[in-house]
C-alpha atoms as a PDB file:
ATOM      1  CA  MET A   1     -26.332 -38.197  47.638  1.00  0.00           C
ATOM      2  CA  GLU A   2     -27.349 -34.985  45.943  1.00  0.00           C
ATOM      3  CA  GLU A   3     -24.041 -34.905  44.013  1.00  0.00           C
ATOM      4  CA  GLU A   4     -24.591 -38.400  42.729  1.00  0.00           C
ATOM      5  CA  SER A   5     -28.109 -37.612  41.544  1.00  0.00           C
ATOM      6  CA  MET A   6     -26.813 -34.495  39.745  1.00  0.00           C
ATOM      7  CA  ARG A   7     -24.095 -36.552  38.071  1.00  0.00           C
ATOM      8  CA  GLU A   8     -26.628 -39.135  36.921  1.00  0.00           C
ATOM      9  CA  ALA A   9     -28.916 -36.413  35.627  1.00  0.00           C
ATOM     10  CA  SER A  10     -26.107 -34.735  33.707  1.00  0.00           C
ATOM     11  CA  GLU A  11     -25.031 -38.092  32.231  1.00  0.00           C
ATOM     12  CA  GLU A  12     -28.601 -38.727  31.129  1.00  0.00           C
ATOM     13  CA  VAL A  13     -28.786 -35.294  29.510  1.00  0.00           C
ATOM     14  CA  CYS A  14     -25.480 -36.005  27.721  1.00  0.00           C
ATOM     15  CA  ARG A  15     -26.791 -39.333  26.436  1.00  0.00           C
ATOM     16  CA  GLU A  16     -29.930 -37.618  25.158  1.00  0.00           C
ATOM     17  CA  PHE A  17     -27.874 -34.942  23.410  1.00  0.00           C
ATOM     18  CA  LYS A  18     -25.728 -37.656  21.822  1.00  0.00           C
ATOM     19  CA  THR A  19     -28.817 -39.161  20.252  1.00  0.00           C
ATOM     20  CA  LEU A  20     -29.598 -35.815  18.610  1.00  0.00           C
ATOM     21  CA  ILE A  21     -26.197 -35.607  16.916  1.00  0.00           C
ATOM     22  CA  ASN A  22     -25.220 -37.748  13.960  1.00  0.00           C
ATOM     23  CA  GLU A  23     -21.683 -39.141  14.342  1.00  0.00           C
ATOM     24  CA  GLN A  24     -21.108 -39.059  10.585  1.00  0.00           C
ATOM     25  CA  ASP A  25     -21.974 -35.371  10.502  1.00  0.00           C
ATOM     26  CA  LEU A  26     -19.513 -34.713  13.307  1.00  0.00           C
ATOM     27  CA  ASP A  27     -16.777 -36.648  11.510  1.00  0.00           C
ATOM     28  CA  SER A  28     -17.527 -34.766   8.308  1.00  0.00           C
ATOM     29  CA  LEU A  29     -17.293 -31.449  10.176  1.00  0.00           C
ATOM     30  CA  LYS A  30     -13.975 -32.481  11.742  1.00  0.00           C
ATOM     31  CA  GLN A  31     -12.578 -33.437   8.315  1.00  0.00           C
ATOM     32  CA  LEU A  32     -13.713 -30.115   6.856  1.00  0.00           C
ATOM     33  CA  GLN A  33     -12.165 -28.226   9.751  1.00  0.00           C
ATOM     34  CA  HIS A  34      -8.850 -30.054   9.275  1.00  0.00           C
ATOM     35  CA  LEU A  35      -8.976 -29.351   5.527  1.00  0.00           C
ATOM     36  CA  ILE A  36      -9.642 -25.662   6.152  1.00  0.00           C
ATOM     37  CA  LEU A  37      -6.886 -25.553   8.786  1.00  0.00           C
ATOM     38  CA  GLY A  38      -4.418 -27.059   6.309  1.00  0.00           C
ATOM     39  CA  ARG A  39      -5.372 -24.567   3.616  1.00  0.00           C
ATOM     40  CA  LEU A  40      -5.088 -21.666   6.042  1.00  0.00           C
ATOM     41  CA  GLN A  41      -1.657 -22.858   7.156  1.00  0.00           C
ATOM     42  CA  ASP A  42      -0.552 -23.149   3.506  1.00  0.00           C
ATOM     43  CA  SER A  43      -1.866 -19.659   2.769  1.00  0.00           C
ATOM     44  CA  ASN A  44      -0.108 -18.315   5.838  1.00  0.00           C
ATOM     45  CA  ALA A  45       3.178 -19.882   4.703  1.00  0.00           C
ATOM     46  CA  VAL A  46       2.787 -18.394   1.207  1.00  0.00           C
ATOM     47  CA  LEU A  47       2.000 -14.945   2.638  1.00  0.00           C
ATOM     48  CA  SER A  48       4.962 -15.141   5.013  1.00  0.00           C
ATOM     49  CA  HIS A  49       7.243 -16.040   2.104  1.00  0.00           C
ATOM     50  CA  PHE A  50       5.823 -13.192   0.026  1.00  0.00           C
ATOM     51  CA  ASN A  51       6.327 -10.738   2.898  1.00  0.00           C
ATOM     52  CA  GLU A  52       9.964 -11.803   3.259  1.00  0.00           C
ATOM     53  CA  TYR A  53      10.481 -11.489  -0.506  1.00  0.00           C
ATOM     54  CA  SER A  54       8.831  -8.039  -0.524  1.00  0.00           C
ATOM     55  CA  GLU A  55      10.987  -6.905   2.382  1.00  0.00           C
ATOM     56  CA  ASN A  56      14.145  -8.032   0.566  1.00  0.00           C
ATOM     57  CA  CYS A  57      13.057  -6.282  -2.633  1.00  0.00           C
ATOM     58  CA  PHE A  58      12.255  -3.088  -0.729  1.00  0.00           C
ATOM     59  CA  THR A  59      15.655  -3.189   0.960  1.00  0.00           C
ATOM     60  CA  GLU A  60      17.349  -3.489  -2.429  1.00  0.00           C
ATOM     61  CA  VAL A  61      15.309  -0.708  -4.026  1.00  0.00           C
ATOM     62  CA  SER A  62      14.968   1.795  -1.182  1.00  0.00           C
ATOM     63  CA  ALA A  63      18.513   3.155  -1.495  1.00  0.00           C
ATOM     64  CA  ASP A  64      18.065   3.728  -5.239  1.00  0.00           C
ATOM     65  CA  PHE A  65      14.663   5.272  -4.647  1.00  0.00           C
ATOM     66  CA  SER A  66      16.042   7.699  -2.061  1.00  0.00           C
ATOM     67  CA  ARG A  67      18.958   8.634  -4.290  1.00  0.00           C
ATOM     68  CA  ASN A  68      16.685   9.192  -7.293  1.00  0.00           C
ATOM     69  CA  THR A  69      14.289  11.257  -5.194  1.00  0.00           C
ATOM     70  CA  ARG A  70      17.129  13.519  -4.080  1.00  0.00           C
ATOM     71  CA  LEU A  71      18.314  13.800  -7.694  1.00  0.00           C
ATOM     72  CA  LEU A  72      14.844  14.770  -8.914  1.00  0.00           C
ATOM     73  CA  LYS A  73      14.479  17.389  -6.183  1.00  0.00           C
ATOM     74  CA  SER A  74      17.877  18.808  -7.109  1.00  0.00           C
ATOM     75  CA  MET A  75      16.930  18.861 -10.792  1.00  0.00           C
ATOM     76  CA  LYS A  76      13.660  20.627  -9.974  1.00  0.00           C
ATOM     77  CA  SER A  77      15.416  23.320  -7.970  1.00  0.00           C
ATOM     78  CA  ASP A  78      17.954  23.751 -10.819  1.00  0.00           C
ATOM     79  CA  LEU A  79      15.164  24.099 -13.358  1.00  0.00           C
ATOM     80  CA  ASP A  80      13.310  26.560 -11.146  1.00  0.00           C
ATOM     81  CA  TYR A  81      16.499  28.627 -10.926  1.00  0.00           C
ATOM     82  CA  ILE A  82      16.986  28.467 -14.713  1.00  0.00           C
ATOM     83  CA  PHE A  83      13.411  29.556 -15.426  1.00  0.00           C
ATOM     84  CA  GLN A  84      13.731  32.371 -12.896  1.00  0.00           C
ATOM     85  CA  LYS A  85      16.917  33.566 -14.623  1.00  0.00           C
ATOM     86  CA  LEU A  86      15.218  33.345 -18.024  1.00  0.00           C
ATOM     87  CA  ARG A  87      12.283  35.449 -16.799  1.00  0.00           C
ATOM     88  CA  ARG A  88      14.684  38.082 -15.440  1.00  0.00           C
ATOM     89  CA  MET A  89      16.674  38.108 -18.675  1.00  0.00           C
ATOM     90  CA  LYS A  90      13.487  38.477 -20.714  1.00  0.00           C
ATOM     91  CA  ALA A  91      12.334  41.318 -18.457  1.00  0.00           C
ATOM     92  CA  LYS A  92      15.711  43.093 -18.871  1.00  0.00           C
ATOM     93  CA  ILE A  93      15.599  42.622 -22.643  1.00  0.00           C
ATOM     94  CA  LEU A  94      12.077  44.033 -22.745  1.00  0.00           C
ATOM     95  CA  ALA A  95      13.106  46.973 -20.567  1.00  0.00           C
ATOM     96  CA  THR A  96      16.078  47.757 -22.812  1.00  0.00           C
ATOM     97  CA  TYR A  97      14.531  46.807 -26.157  1.00  0.00           C
ATOM     98  CA  PRO A  98      10.720  47.103 -26.050  1.00  0.00           C
ATOM     99  CA  ASP A  99      10.464  45.893 -29.667  1.00  0.00           C
ATOM    100  CA  ALA A 100      12.539  42.760 -29.031  1.00  0.00           C
ATOM    101  CA  PHE A 101       9.483  40.512 -29.050  1.00  0.00           C
ATOM    102  CA  PRO A 102       7.233  41.941 -31.764  1.00  0.00           C
ATOM    103  CA  ASP A 103       4.989  38.894 -32.004  1.00  0.00           C
ATOM    104  CA  GLY A 104       3.525  39.500 -28.535  1.00  0.00           C
ATOM    105  CA  SER A 105       5.370  36.620 -26.898  1.00  0.00           C
ATOM    106  CA  ALA A 106       6.467  38.952 -24.135  1.00  0.00           C
ATOM    107  CA  LYS A 107       2.985  38.803 -22.698  1.00  0.00           C
ATOM    108  CA  GLU A 108       2.976  35.013 -22.577  1.00  0.00           C
ATOM    109  CA  VAL A 109       4.305  33.302 -19.523  1.00  0.00           C
ATOM    110  CA  LEU A 110       7.626  31.626 -20.293  1.00  0.00           C
ATOM    111  CA  ASP A 111       7.196  28.920 -17.667  1.00  0.00           C
ATOM    112  CA  ARG A 112       4.129  26.869 -18.616  1.00  0.00           C
ATOM    113  CA  ARG A 113       5.124  23.786 -16.635  1.00  0.00           C
ATOM    114  CA  PRO A 114       2.459  22.283 -14.383  1.00  0.00           C
ATOM    115  CA  ASP A 115       3.098  22.473 -10.680  1.00  0.00           C
ATOM    116  CA  LEU A 116       3.827  18.838  -9.842  1.00  0.00           C
ATOM    117  CA  GLU A 117       3.685  19.450  -6.111  1.00  0.00           C
ATOM    118  CA  MET A 118      -0.002  20.326  -6.259  1.00  0.00           C
ATOM    119  CA  PRO A 119      -2.386  17.326  -6.026  1.00  0.00           C
END
């Protein structure tokens, strides 16, 4: 008996709530939700395609990038070695021939390159 009265009461509350809600508004909300869902699914498909494309491009380029990075590091170490040799040669020339650089260039630093490893 008590269960039946609770069921009737809950059905009455549901009917009262239904009168508060406009069916057209609910249908409009459902249509908007479906429209938004479709757009989100389209956007998701586009982003997934872009991610696959980006991954393929990265795969193609990464080997070249690694090779070029190694080449640049090798070139930098070669240039560092060359500049070091040039500084030593200049120091030896100055030690042997103090008047070899009369314009005062001996006091200038030969290597004026910026340090690219510093931020």
